[in-house]
PDB file of N, CA and C in Angstrom:
ATOM      1  N   CYS A   1       5.924 -41.937  24.616  1.00  0.00           N
ATOM      2  CA  CYS A   1       6.673 -40.851  23.916  1.00  0.00           C
ATOM      3  C   CYS A   1       6.539 -39.561  23.792  1.00  0.00           C
ATOM      4  N   GLY A   2       5.441 -39.156  24.124  1.00  0.00           N
ATOM      5  CA  GLY A   2       4.991 -38.337  24.004  1.00  0.00           C
ATOM      6  C   GLY A   2       5.998 -37.312  25.504  1.00  0.00           C
ATOM      7  N   SER A   3       6.668 -37.583  26.653  1.00  0.00           N
ATOM      8  CA  SER A   3       7.022 -37.415  27.628  1.00  0.00           C
ATOM      9  C   SER A   3       8.593 -37.801  27.664  1.00  0.00           C
ATOM     10  N   THR A   4       8.845 -38.385  26.588  1.00  0.00           N
ATOM     11  CA  THR A   4      10.522 -38.502  25.811  1.00  0.00           C
ATOM     12  C   THR A   4      10.783 -37.390  25.242  1.00  0.00           C
ATOM     13  N   ALA A   5       9.717 -37.178  23.904  1.00  0.00           N
ATOM     14  CA  ALA A   5       9.624 -35.894  23.355  1.00  0.00           C
ATOM     15  C   ALA A   5      10.588 -34.854  23.852  1.00  0.00           C
ATOM     16  N   MET A   6       9.819 -34.480  25.308  1.00  0.00           N
ATOM     17  CA  MET A   6       9.772 -33.642  26.100  1.00  0.00           C
ATOM     18  C   MET A   6      10.519 -33.220  26.585  1.00  0.00           C
ATOM     19  N   ALA A   7      10.888 -34.397  27.041  1.00  0.00           N
ATOM     20  CA  ALA A   7      12.724 -34.455  27.859  1.00  0.00           C
ATOM     21  C   ALA A   7      13.669 -34.144  26.879  1.00  0.00           C
ATOM     22  N   GLU A   8      13.486 -34.289  25.507  1.00  0.00           N
ATOM     23  CA  GLU A   8      14.805 -34.068  24.543  1.00  0.00           C
ATOM     24  C   GLU A   8      14.301 -32.685  24.484  1.00  0.00           C
ATOM     25  N   PHE A   9      13.047 -32.283  24.184  1.00  0.00           N
ATOM     26  CA  PHE A   9      13.243 -30.841  23.674  1.00  0.00           C
ATOM     27  C   PHE A   9      13.740 -30.165  25.239  1.00  0.00           C
ATOM     28  N   ASP A  10      13.265 -30.433  26.407  1.00  0.00           N
ATOM     29  CA  ASP A  10      14.053 -29.467  27.852  1.00  0.00           C
ATOM     30  C   ASP A  10      15.586 -29.711  27.455  1.00  0.00           C
ATOM     31  N   GLY A  11      15.765 -30.844  27.484  1.00  0.00           N
ATOM     32  CA  GLY A  11      17.716 -30.425  27.355  1.00  0.00           C
ATOM     33  C   GLY A  11      17.926 -30.556  26.526  1.00  0.00           C
ATOM     34  N   ARG A  12      17.991 -29.904  25.426  1.00  0.00           N
ATOM     35  CA  ARG A  12      18.005 -28.875  24.551  1.00  0.00           C
ATOM     36  C   ARG A  12      17.723 -27.095  24.451  1.00  0.00           C
ATOM     37  N   LEU A  13      16.734 -27.294  25.224  1.00  0.00           N
ATOM     38  CA  LEU A  13      16.519 -26.154  26.012  1.00  0.00           C
ATOM     39  C   LEU A  13      18.216 -25.343  26.661  1.00  0.00           C
ATOM     40  N   ASP A  14      17.864 -26.117  28.177  1.00  0.00           N
ATOM     41  CA  ASP A  14      18.357 -26.130  28.687  1.00  0.00           C
ATOM     42  C   ASP A  14      20.202 -25.866  28.337  1.00  0.00           C
ATOM     43  N   LYS A  15      20.854 -27.106  27.300  1.00  0.00           N
ATOM     44  CA  LYS A  15      21.792 -26.951  26.524  1.00  0.00           C
ATOM     45  C   LYS A  15      22.268 -25.473  26.274  1.00  0.00           C
ATOM     46  N   ASP A  16      21.289 -24.995  25.853  1.00  0.00           N
ATOM     47  CA  ASP A  16      21.268 -23.873  24.212  1.00  0.00           C
ATOM     48  C   ASP A  16      21.320 -22.435  25.416  1.00  0.00           C
ATOM     49  N   LEU A  17      20.752 -22.613  26.296  1.00  0.00           N
ATOM     50  CA  LEU A  17      20.646 -21.465  27.984  1.00  0.00           C
ATOM     51  C   LEU A  17      21.330 -21.399  28.120  1.00  0.00           C
ATOM     52  N   THR A  18      21.997 -22.581  28.652  1.00  0.00           N
ATOM     53  CA  THR A  18      23.506 -22.081  29.300  1.00  0.00           C
ATOM     54  C   THR A  18      24.485 -21.739  28.222  1.00  0.00           C
ATOM     55  N   SER A  19      24.670 -22.441  27.175  1.00  0.00           N
ATOM     56  CA  SER A  19      26.014 -21.861  26.321  1.00  0.00           C
ATOM     57  C   SER A  19      25.956 -20.662  25.679  1.00  0.00           C
ATOM     58  N   ASN A  20      24.731 -20.312  25.410  1.00  0.00           N
ATOM     59  CA  ASN A  20      23.939 -19.264  25.583  1.00  0.00           C
ATOM     60  C   ASN A  20      24.540 -17.812  26.940  1.00  0.00           C
ATOM     61  N   ALA A  21      24.513 -18.129  28.323  1.00  0.00           N
ATOM     62  CA  ALA A  21      24.548 -17.721  28.438  1.00  0.00           C
ATOM     63  C   ALA A  21      26.184 -17.585  29.082  1.00  0.00           C
ATOM     64  N   LYS A  22      26.802 -18.798  29.216  1.00  0.00           N
ATOM     65  CA  LYS A  22      28.275 -18.701  29.090  1.00  0.00           C
ATOM     66  C   LYS A  22      28.742 -17.642  28.067  1.00  0.00           C
ATOM     67  N   ASN A  23      28.652 -17.392  26.741  1.00  0.00           N
ATOM     68  CA  ASN A  23      29.330 -16.721  25.701  1.00  0.00           C
ATOM     69  C   ASN A  23      28.791 -15.436  25.816  1.00  0.00           C
ATOM     70  N   ARG A  24      27.268 -14.722  26.465  1.00  0.00           N
ATOM     71  CA  ARG A  24      27.578 -13.664  26.606  1.00  0.00           C
ATOM     72  C   ARG A  24      27.761 -12.698  28.212  1.00  0.00           C
ATOM     73  N   TRP A  25      28.225 -13.793  29.087  1.00  0.00           N
ATOM     74  CA  TRP A  25      28.683 -13.890  30.147  1.00  0.00           C
ATOM     75  C   TRP A  25      30.443 -13.297  29.989  1.00  0.00           C
ATOM     76  N   ALA A  26      31.013 -13.663  28.978  1.00  0.00           N
ATOM     77  CA  ALA A  26      32.543 -13.383  28.293  1.00  0.00           C
ATOM     78  C   ALA A  26      32.272 -12.363  27.769  1.00  0.00           C
ATOM     79  N   TYR A  27      31.497 -12.186  26.931  1.00  0.00           N
ATOM     80  CA  TYR A  27      31.195 -10.739  26.343  1.00  0.00           C
ATOM     81  C   TYR A  27      31.006  -9.964  27.138  1.00  0.00           C
ATOM     82  N   PHE A  28      30.280  -9.849  27.838  1.00  0.00           N
ATOM     83  CA  PHE A  28      30.461  -8.401  29.159  1.00  0.00           C
ATOM     84  C   PHE A  28      31.626  -8.783  29.928  1.00  0.00           C
ATOM     85  N   LEU A  29      32.281  -9.541  30.200  1.00  0.00           N
ATOM     86  CA  LEU A  29      33.813  -8.442  30.716  1.00  0.00           C
ATOM     87  C   LEU A  29      34.559  -8.694  30.081  1.00  0.00           C
ATOM     88  N   GLU A  30      34.898  -8.914  28.647  1.00  0.00           N
ATOM     89  CA  GLU A  30      35.834  -7.974  28.165  1.00  0.00           C
ATOM     90  C   GLU A  30      35.371  -6.131  27.852  1.00  0.00           C
ATOM     91  N   PRO A  31      34.381  -6.180  27.458  1.00  0.00           N
ATOM     92  CA  PRO A  31      33.907  -4.990  27.176  1.00  0.00           C
ATOM     93  C   PRO A  31      34.439  -4.116  28.886  1.00  0.00           C
ATOM     94  N   ALA A  32      33.821  -4.495  29.384  1.00  0.00           N
ATOM     95  CA  ALA A  32      33.390  -3.855  30.345  1.00  0.00           C
ATOM     96  C   ALA A  32      34.882  -3.516  31.229  1.00  0.00           C
ATOM     97  N   ARG A  33      35.969  -4.346  31.010  1.00  0.00           N
ATOM     98  CA  ARG A  33      37.188  -4.157  31.426  1.00  0.00           C
ATOM     99  C   ARG A  33      37.696  -3.280  30.490  1.00  0.00           C
ATOM    100  N   GLU A  34      37.013  -2.656  29.319  1.00  0.00           N
ATOM    101  CA  GLU A  34      38.135  -1.866  28.598  1.00  0.00           C
ATOM    102  C   GLU A  34      37.287  -0.645  28.887  1.00  0.00           C
ATOM    103  N   LYS A  35      35.683  -0.738  28.834  1.00  0.00           N
ATOM    104  CA  LYS A  35      35.133   0.709  28.543  1.00  0.00           C
ATOM    105  C   LYS A  35      34.711   1.247  30.569  1.00  0.00           C
ATOM    106  N   LEU A  36      35.228   0.503  31.183  1.00  0.00           N
ATOM    107  CA  LEU A  36      34.628   1.231  32.317  1.00  0.00           C
ATOM    108  C   LEU A  36      35.092   2.046  32.937  1.00  0.00           C
ATOM    109  N   PRO A  37      35.269   3.162  33.531  1.00  0.00           N
ATOM    110  CA  PRO A  37      35.893   3.931  34.299  1.00  0.00           C
ATOM    111  C   PRO A  37      35.928   3.394  35.587  1.00  0.00           C
ATOM    112  N   HIS A  38      36.741   3.608  36.662  1.00  0.00           N
ATOM    113  CA  HIS A  38      37.092   3.385  38.034  1.00  0.00           C
ATOM    114  C   HIS A  38      36.879   1.736  37.864  1.00  0.00           C
ATOM    115  N   LEU A  39      37.075   0.878  37.648  1.00  0.00           N
ATOM    116  CA  LEU A  39      36.940  -0.493  37.616  1.00  0.00           C
ATOM    117  C   LEU A  39      38.133  -0.910  38.071  1.00  0.00           C
ATOM    118  N   LYS A  40      38.558  -1.578  38.957  1.00  0.00           N
ATOM    119  CA  LYS A  40      39.611  -2.812  39.415  1.00  0.00           C
ATOM    120  C   LYS A  40      39.333  -3.466  38.938  1.00  0.00           C
ATOM    121  N   GLU A  41      38.366  -4.549  38.683  1.00  0.00           N
ATOM    122  CA  GLU A  41      38.327  -5.985  38.499  1.00  0.00           C
ATOM    123  C   GLU A  41      36.350  -6.323  37.780  1.00  0.00           C
ATOM    124  N   ALA A  42      36.989  -7.287  37.322  1.00  0.00           N
ATOM    125  CA  ALA A  42      35.636  -7.580  36.719  1.00  0.00           C
ATOM    126  C   ALA A  42      35.510  -9.366  36.198  1.00  0.00           C
ATOM    127  N   ARG A  43      34.553  -9.764  37.201  1.00  0.00           N
ATOM    128  CA  ARG A  43      35.022 -11.127  36.826  1.00  0.00           C
ATOM    129  C   ARG A  43      33.409 -12.485  37.267  1.00  0.00           C
ATOM    130  N   GLY A  44      33.580 -12.984  36.946  1.00  0.00           N
ATOM    131  CA  GLY A  44      32.367 -14.134  37.028  1.00  0.00           C
ATOM    132  C   GLY A  44      32.395 -15.125  37.703  1.00  0.00           C
ATOM    133  N   GLN A  45      31.362 -15.494  38.140  1.00  0.00           N
ATOM    134  CA  GLN A  45      31.439 -17.202  38.714  1.00  0.00           C
ATOM    135  C   GLN A  45      29.904 -18.127  38.312  1.00  0.00           C
ATOM    136  N   GLY A  46      29.937 -18.852  37.918  1.00  0.00           N
ATOM    137  CA  GLY A  46      28.589 -19.511  37.551  1.00  0.00           C
ATOM    138  C   GLY A  46      27.766 -18.671  36.552  1.00  0.00           C
ATOM    139  N   CYS A  47      26.748 -18.373  37.619  1.00  0.00           N
ATOM    140  CA  CYS A  47      25.351 -17.191  36.908  1.00  0.00           C
ATOM    141  C   CYS A  47      25.837 -15.486  37.567  1.00  0.00           C
ATOM    142  N   PHE A  48      27.395 -15.395  38.030  1.00  0.00           N
ATOM    143  CA  PHE A  48      27.029 -14.129  39.034  1.00  0.00           C
ATOM    144  C   PHE A  48      28.312 -13.968  37.983  1.00  0.00           C
ATOM    145  N   LEU A  49      28.002 -12.114  37.861  1.00  0.00           N
ATOM    146  CA  LEU A  49      28.858 -11.240  37.424  1.00  0.00           C
ATOM    147  C   LEU A  49      29.244 -10.289  38.722  1.00  0.00           C
ATOM    148  N   GLY A  50      30.480 -10.010  38.662  1.00  0.00           N
ATOM    149  CA  GLY A  50      31.313  -9.318  39.884  1.00  0.00           C
ATOM    150  C   GLY A  50      31.947  -7.533  39.165  1.00  0.00           C
ATOM    151  N   LEU A  51      31.543  -6.674  39.458  1.00  0.00           N
ATOM    152  CA  LEU A  51      32.611  -5.455  39.321  1.00  0.00           C
ATOM    153  C   LEU A  51      32.897  -4.798  40.118  1.00  0.00           C
ATOM    154  N   GLU A  52      34.420  -4.526  40.214  1.00  0.00           N
ATOM    155  CA  GLU A  52      34.687  -4.227  41.508  1.00  0.00           C
ATOM    156  C   GLU A  52      35.126  -2.915  41.044  1.00  0.00           C
ATOM    157  N   PHE A  53      34.947  -1.704  41.585  1.00  0.00           N
ATOM    158  CA  PHE A  53      35.449  -0.595  41.545  1.00  0.00           C
ATOM    159  C   PHE A  53      36.325   0.101  42.730  1.00  0.00           C
ATOM    160  N   ASP A  54      37.059   1.552  42.132  1.00  0.00           N
ATOM    161  CA  ASP A  54      38.345   1.575  43.184  1.00  0.00           C
ATOM    162  C   ASP A  54      37.241   2.682  44.387  1.00  0.00           C
ATOM    163  N   ASP A  55      38.056   2.887  45.010  1.00  0.00           N
ATOM    164  CA  ASP A  55      37.486   3.629  46.495  1.00  0.00           C
ATOM    165  C   ASP A  55      36.450   4.757  45.902  1.00  0.00           C
ATOM    166  N   LYS A  56      36.570   5.188  44.683  1.00  0.00           N
ATOM    167  CA  LYS A  56      35.564   6.376  44.400  1.00  0.00           C
ATOM    168  C   LYS A  56      33.815   6.061  43.977  1.00  0.00           C
ATOM    169  N   ILE A  57      34.459   5.649  43.801  1.00  0.00           N
ATOM    170  CA  ILE A  57      32.519   4.105  43.724  1.00  0.00           C
ATOM    171  C   ILE A  57      32.353   3.433  44.682  1.00  0.00           C
ATOM    172  N   ASN A  58      30.844   3.770  45.116  1.00  0.00           N
ATOM    173  CA  ASN A  58      30.451   2.986  46.128  1.00  0.00           C
ATOM    174  C   ASN A  58      29.468   2.453  45.772  1.00  0.00           C
ATOM    175  N   SER A  59      29.323   1.191  45.633  1.00  0.00           N
ATOM    176  CA  SER A  59      28.501  -0.259  45.187  1.00  0.00           C
ATOM    177  C   SER A  59      26.846   0.107  45.532  1.00  0.00           C
ATOM    178  N   VAL A  60      26.874   1.105  46.400  1.00  0.00           N
ATOM    179  CA  VAL A  60      25.378   0.749  46.271  1.00  0.00           C
ATOM    180  C   VAL A  60      25.491   2.185  46.210  1.00  0.00           C
ATOM    181  N   ASP A  61      25.628   3.297  46.192  1.00  0.00           N
ATOM    182  CA  ASP A  61      25.388   4.600  44.989  1.00  0.00           C
ATOM    183  C   ASP A  61      25.289   4.058  43.458  1.00  0.00           C
ATOM    184  N   LEU A  62      25.871   3.219  43.404  1.00  0.00           N
ATOM    185  CA  LEU A  62      25.762   3.252  42.027  1.00  0.00           C
ATOM    186  C   LEU A  62      25.036   1.835  41.355  1.00  0.00           C
ATOM    187  N   LYS A  63      24.388   0.989  42.390  1.00  0.00           N
ATOM    188  CA  LYS A  63      22.914   0.603  41.989  1.00  0.00           C
ATOM    189  C   LYS A  63      21.871   1.059  41.986  1.00  0.00           C
ATOM    190  N   HIS A  64      22.027   1.746  42.903  1.00  0.00           N
ATOM    191  CA  HIS A  64      20.713   2.538  42.809  1.00  0.00           C
ATOM    192  C   HIS A  64      20.880   4.195  41.738  1.00  0.00           C
ATOM    193  N   LYS A  65      21.886   4.039  41.246  1.00  0.00           N
ATOM    194  CA  LYS A  65      21.871   5.109  40.029  1.00  0.00           C
ATOM    195  C   LYS A  65      21.641   4.113  38.796  1.00  0.00           C
ATOM    196  N   CYS A  66      21.868   2.980  38.622  1.00  0.00           N
ATOM    197  CA  CYS A  66      21.333   1.933  37.605  1.00  0.00           C
ATOM    198  C   CYS A  66      20.509   1.633  37.632  1.00  0.00           C
ATOM    199  N   PHE A  67      19.939   1.333  39.031  1.00  0.00           N
ATOM    200  CA  PHE A  67      18.384   1.320  38.718  1.00  0.00           C
ATOM    201  C   PHE A  67      17.273   2.627  38.536  1.00  0.00           C
ATOM    202  N   ASP A  68      17.847   3.575  38.472  1.00  0.00           N
ATOM    203  CA  ASP A  68      17.547   5.180  38.311  1.00  0.00           C
ATOM    204  C   ASP A  68      16.945   5.266  36.946  1.00  0.00           C
ATOM    205  N   LYS A  69      18.126   3.890  35.993  1.00  0.00           N
ATOM    206  CA  LYS A  69      18.200   4.138  34.177  1.00  0.00           C
ATOM    207  C   LYS A  69      17.484   2.710  34.390  1.00  0.00           C
ATOM    208  N   HIS A  70      16.881   1.968  35.076  1.00  0.00           N
ATOM    209  CA  HIS A  70      15.832   0.533  34.663  1.00  0.00           C
ATOM    210  C   HIS A  70      16.913  -0.461  34.617  1.00  0.00           C
ATOM    211  N   MET A  71      17.874  -0.539  35.826  1.00  0.00           N
ATOM    212  CA  MET A  71      18.858  -1.965  35.300  1.00  0.00           C
ATOM    213  C   MET A  71      18.707  -2.397  37.107  1.00  0.00           C
ATOM    214  N   LEU A  72      19.006  -3.861  37.324  1.00  0.00           N
ATOM    215  CA  LEU A  72      18.643  -4.534  38.440  1.00  0.00           C
ATOM    216  C   LEU A  72      20.381  -4.947  38.641  1.00  0.00           C
ATOM    217  N   SER A  73      20.268  -4.495  39.953  1.00  0.00           N
ATOM    218  CA  SER A  73      22.125  -4.880  40.243  1.00  0.00           C
ATOM    219  C   SER A  73      21.292  -5.234  41.839  1.00  0.00           C
ATOM    220  N   THR A  74      23.308  -5.597  42.388  1.00  0.00           N
ATOM    221  CA  THR A  74      23.153  -5.600  43.612  1.00  0.00           C
ATOM    222  C   THR A  74      24.516  -4.761  44.238  1.00  0.00           C
ATOM    223  N   ALA A  75      24.471  -4.477  45.231  1.00  0.00           N
ATOM    224  CA  ALA A  75      25.825  -3.900  45.670  1.00  0.00           C
ATOM    225  C   ALA A  75      26.291  -5.075  47.004  1.00  0.00           C
ATOM    226  N   ILE A  76      27.562  -5.467  46.855  1.00  0.00           N
ATOM    227  CA  ILE A  76      28.591  -6.485  48.072  1.00  0.00           C
ATOM    228  C   ILE A  76      29.351  -5.754  48.103  1.00  0.00           C
ATOM    229  N   GLY A  77      29.115  -5.448  48.950  1.00  0.00           N
ATOM    230  CA  GLY A  77      30.788  -4.710  50.082  1.00  0.00           C
ATOM    231  C   GLY A  77      30.244  -2.881  49.617  1.00  0.00           C
ATOM    232  N   ASP A  78      31.420  -2.453  49.741  1.00  0.00           N
ATOM    233  CA  ASP A  78      31.751  -1.441  49.606  1.00  0.00           C
ATOM    234  C   ASP A  78      31.411  -0.955  47.884  1.00  0.00           C
ATOM    235  N   HIS A  79      32.490  -1.658  46.869  1.00  0.00           N
ATOM    236  CA  HIS A  79      32.967  -1.734  45.840  1.00  0.00           C
ATOM    237  C   HIS A  79      32.441  -2.049  44.987  1.00  0.00           C
ATOM    238  N   VAL A  80      31.544  -3.155  44.879  1.00  0.00           N
ATOM    239  CA  VAL A  80      31.688  -4.358  44.216  1.00  0.00           C
ATOM    240  C   VAL A  80      30.438  -4.681  43.666  1.00  0.00           C
ATOM    241  N   LEU A  81      29.495  -4.235  42.674  1.00  0.00           N
ATOM    242  CA  LEU A  81      28.311  -3.758  41.839  1.00  0.00           C
ATOM    243  C   LEU A  81      28.125  -6.006  41.018  1.00  0.00           C
ATOM    244  N   ARG A  82      27.062  -6.442  41.723  1.00  0.00           N
ATOM    245  CA  ARG A  82      27.030  -7.856  41.048  1.00  0.00           C
ATOM    246  C   ARG A  82      26.123  -7.669  40.417  1.00  0.00           C
ATOM    247  N   LEU A  83      26.020  -8.552  39.411  1.00  0.00           N
ATOM    248  CA  LEU A  83      24.628  -8.773  38.243  1.00  0.00           C
ATOM    249  C   LEU A  83      24.914 -10.172  37.966  1.00  0.00           C
ATOM    250  N   VAL A  84      23.570 -10.486  37.710  1.00  0.00           N
ATOM    251  CA  VAL A  84      23.121 -11.456  37.871  1.00  0.00           C
ATOM    252  C   VAL A  84      22.112 -11.966  36.509  1.00  0.00           C
ATOM    253  N   PRO A  85      22.676 -12.076  35.041  1.00  0.00           N
ATOM    254  CA  PRO A  85      22.439 -11.672  34.267  1.00  0.00           C
ATOM    255  C   PRO A  85      20.926 -13.015  33.715  1.00  0.00           C
ATOM    256  N   PRO A  86      20.037 -12.712  32.892  1.00  0.00           N
ATOM    257  CA  PRO A  86      19.029 -13.938  32.698  1.00  0.00           C
ATOM    258  C   PRO A  86      19.932 -14.581  31.413  1.00  0.00           C
ATOM    259  N   LEU A  87      19.631 -15.809  31.220  1.00  0.00           N
ATOM    260  CA  LEU A  87      20.011 -16.935  30.617  1.00  0.00           C
ATOM    261  C   LEU A  87      19.683 -16.542  28.973  1.00  0.00           C
ATOM    262  N   ILE A  88      18.943 -15.838  28.884  1.00  0.00           N
ATOM    263  CA  ILE A  88      18.272 -15.554  27.233  1.00  0.00           C
ATOM    264  C   ILE A  88      18.879 -14.247  27.055  1.00  0.00           C
ATOM    265  N   LEU A  89      19.825 -13.812  27.429  1.00  0.00           N
ATOM    266  CA  LEU A  89      20.500 -12.167  27.518  1.00  0.00           C
ATOM    267  C   LEU A  89      21.270 -12.479  25.981  1.00  0.00           C
ATOM    268  N   GLN A  90      20.718 -11.072  25.334  1.00  0.00           N
ATOM    269  CA  GLN A  90      21.864 -11.048  24.009  1.00  0.00           C
ATOM    270  C   GLN A  90      22.755  -9.722  24.123  1.00  0.00           C
ATOM    271  N   LYS A  91      23.737  -9.949  23.169  1.00  0.00           N
ATOM    272  CA  LYS A  91      24.255  -9.113  22.737  1.00  0.00           C
ATOM    273  C   LYS A  91      24.166  -7.228  23.211  1.00  0.00           C
ATOM    274  N   GLU A  92      22.906  -7.137  22.351  1.00  0.00           N
ATOM    275  CA  GLU A  92      22.035  -5.177  22.704  1.00  0.00           C
ATOM    276  C   GLU A  92      21.968  -5.875  23.988  1.00  0.00           C
ATOM    277  N   HIS A  93      21.975  -6.516  24.857  1.00  0.00           N
ATOM    278  CA  HIS A  93      21.664  -6.585  26.747  1.00  0.00           C
ATOM    279  C   HIS A  93      22.612  -5.575  27.467  1.00  0.00           C
ATOM    280  N   VAL A  94      23.774  -6.738  27.223  1.00  0.00           N
ATOM    281  CA  VAL A  94      24.593  -6.619  27.687  1.00  0.00           C
ATOM    282  C   VAL A  94      25.592  -5.096  27.344  1.00  0.00           C
ATOM    283  N   ASP A  95      25.558  -4.995  25.778  1.00  0.00           N
ATOM    284  CA  ASP A  95      25.752  -3.421  25.419  1.00  0.00           C
ATOM    285  C   ASP A  95      24.742  -2.101  26.103  1.00  0.00           C
ATOM    286  N   LYS A  96      23.817  -2.396  26.340  1.00  0.00           N
ATOM    287  CA  LYS A  96      22.938  -1.610  26.769  1.00  0.00           C
ATOM    288  C   LYS A  96      22.959  -1.561  28.189  1.00  0.00           C
ATOM    289  N   ALA A  97      23.388  -2.691  29.151  1.00  0.00           N
ATOM    290  CA  ALA A  97      24.208  -2.915  30.460  1.00  0.00           C
ATOM    291  C   ALA A  97      25.203  -2.438  31.016  1.00  0.00           C
ATOM    292  N   ILE A  98      26.556  -2.173  29.863  1.00  0.00           N
ATOM    293  CA  ILE A  98      27.619  -1.316  29.958  1.00  0.00           C
ATOM    294  C   ILE A  98      27.301   0.371  29.786  1.00  0.00           C
ATOM    295  N   ALA A  99      26.439   0.836  28.897  1.00  0.00           N
ATOM    296  CA  ALA A  99      26.036   1.742  28.944  1.00  0.00           C
ATOM    297  C   ALA A  99      25.545   2.468  30.296  1.00  0.00           C
ATOM    298  N   ILE A 100      24.813   2.166  30.699  1.00  0.00           N
ATOM    299  CA  ILE A 100      23.973   2.692  31.759  1.00  0.00           C
ATOM    300  C   ILE A 100      25.438   2.636  32.744  1.00  0.00           C
ATOM    301  N   ILE A 101      25.926   1.398  33.175  1.00  0.00           N
ATOM    302  CA  ILE A 101      26.503   0.778  33.949  1.00  0.00           C
ATOM    303  C   ILE A 101      27.965   2.455  33.732  1.00  0.00           C
ATOM    304  N   LYS A 102      28.087   2.349  32.455  1.00  0.00           N
ATOM    305  CA  LYS A 102      29.225   3.764  32.603  1.00  0.00           C
ATOM    306  C   LYS A 102      28.885   5.018  32.652  1.00  0.00           C
ATOM    307  N   GLU A 103      27.426   4.962  32.229  1.00  0.00           N
ATOM    308  CA  GLU A 103      26.848   6.871  32.509  1.00  0.00           C
ATOM    309  C   GLU A 103      26.625   6.830  34.419  1.00  0.00           C
ATOM    310  N   SER A 104      26.452   5.708  34.711  1.00  0.00           N
ATOM    311  CA  SER A 104      26.032   6.043  36.424  1.00  0.00           C
ATOM    312  C   SER A 104      27.763   6.330  37.180  1.00  0.00           C
ATOM    313  N   VAL A 105      28.393   5.465  36.937  1.00  0.00           N
ATOM    314  CA  VAL A 105      29.748   5.437  37.258  1.00  0.00           C
ATOM    315  C   VAL A 105      30.311   6.673  36.870  1.00  0.00           C
ATOM    316  N   GLU A 106      30.059   7.917  35.489  1.00  0.00           N
ATOM    317  CA  GLU A 106      30.889   8.766  35.281  1.00  0.00           C
ATOM    318  C   GLU A 106      29.855  10.096  36.339  1.00  0.00           C
ATOM    319  N   GLU A 107      28.292   9.810  36.453  1.00  0.00           N
ATOM    320  CA  GLU A 107      28.067  10.633  37.228  1.00  0.00           C
ATOM    321  C   GLU A 107      28.699  10.446  38.924  1.00  0.00           C
ATOM    322  N   LEU A 108      28.527   9.361  39.312  1.00  0.00           N
ATOM    323  CA  LEU A 108      28.685   9.692  40.522  1.00  0.00           C
ATOM    324  C   LEU A 108      30.702   9.698  41.158  1.00  0.00           C
ATOM    325  N   ALA A 109      31.296   9.799  40.123  1.00  0.00           N
ATOM    326  CA  ALA A 109      32.694  10.136  39.927  1.00  0.00           C
ATOM    327  C   ALA A 109      33.010  11.801  39.707  1.00  0.00           C
ATOM    328  N   LYS A 110      31.311  12.707  39.449  1.00  0.00           N
ATOM    329  CA  LYS A 110      32.204  14.071  39.310  1.00  0.00           C
ATOM    330  C   LYS A 110      32.471  14.684  40.711  1.00  0.00           C
TER     331      LYS A 110
END
């Protein structure tokens, strides 16, 4: 009986986390498209988010600027910043991440 209850709990936890992640990723993409300068495309696939910037923004430089502001990301190619948000992501985390990316892009574009 204990293992059945635990399996049920795990199933609900997984479903809630997955649902939360999908909602937060969708919440991330729209403000990113509206607020980030030099952004060509914002896209998501599974647990990954990709932000593609124009030729003025180098993704490696952007990754380092974001890291200096305590945000982890990965550079893909010359112009794509990849994010892998945790399943427990909340709206305030999304807002902070967008602010960090925006500030970093603005610093690089000077």
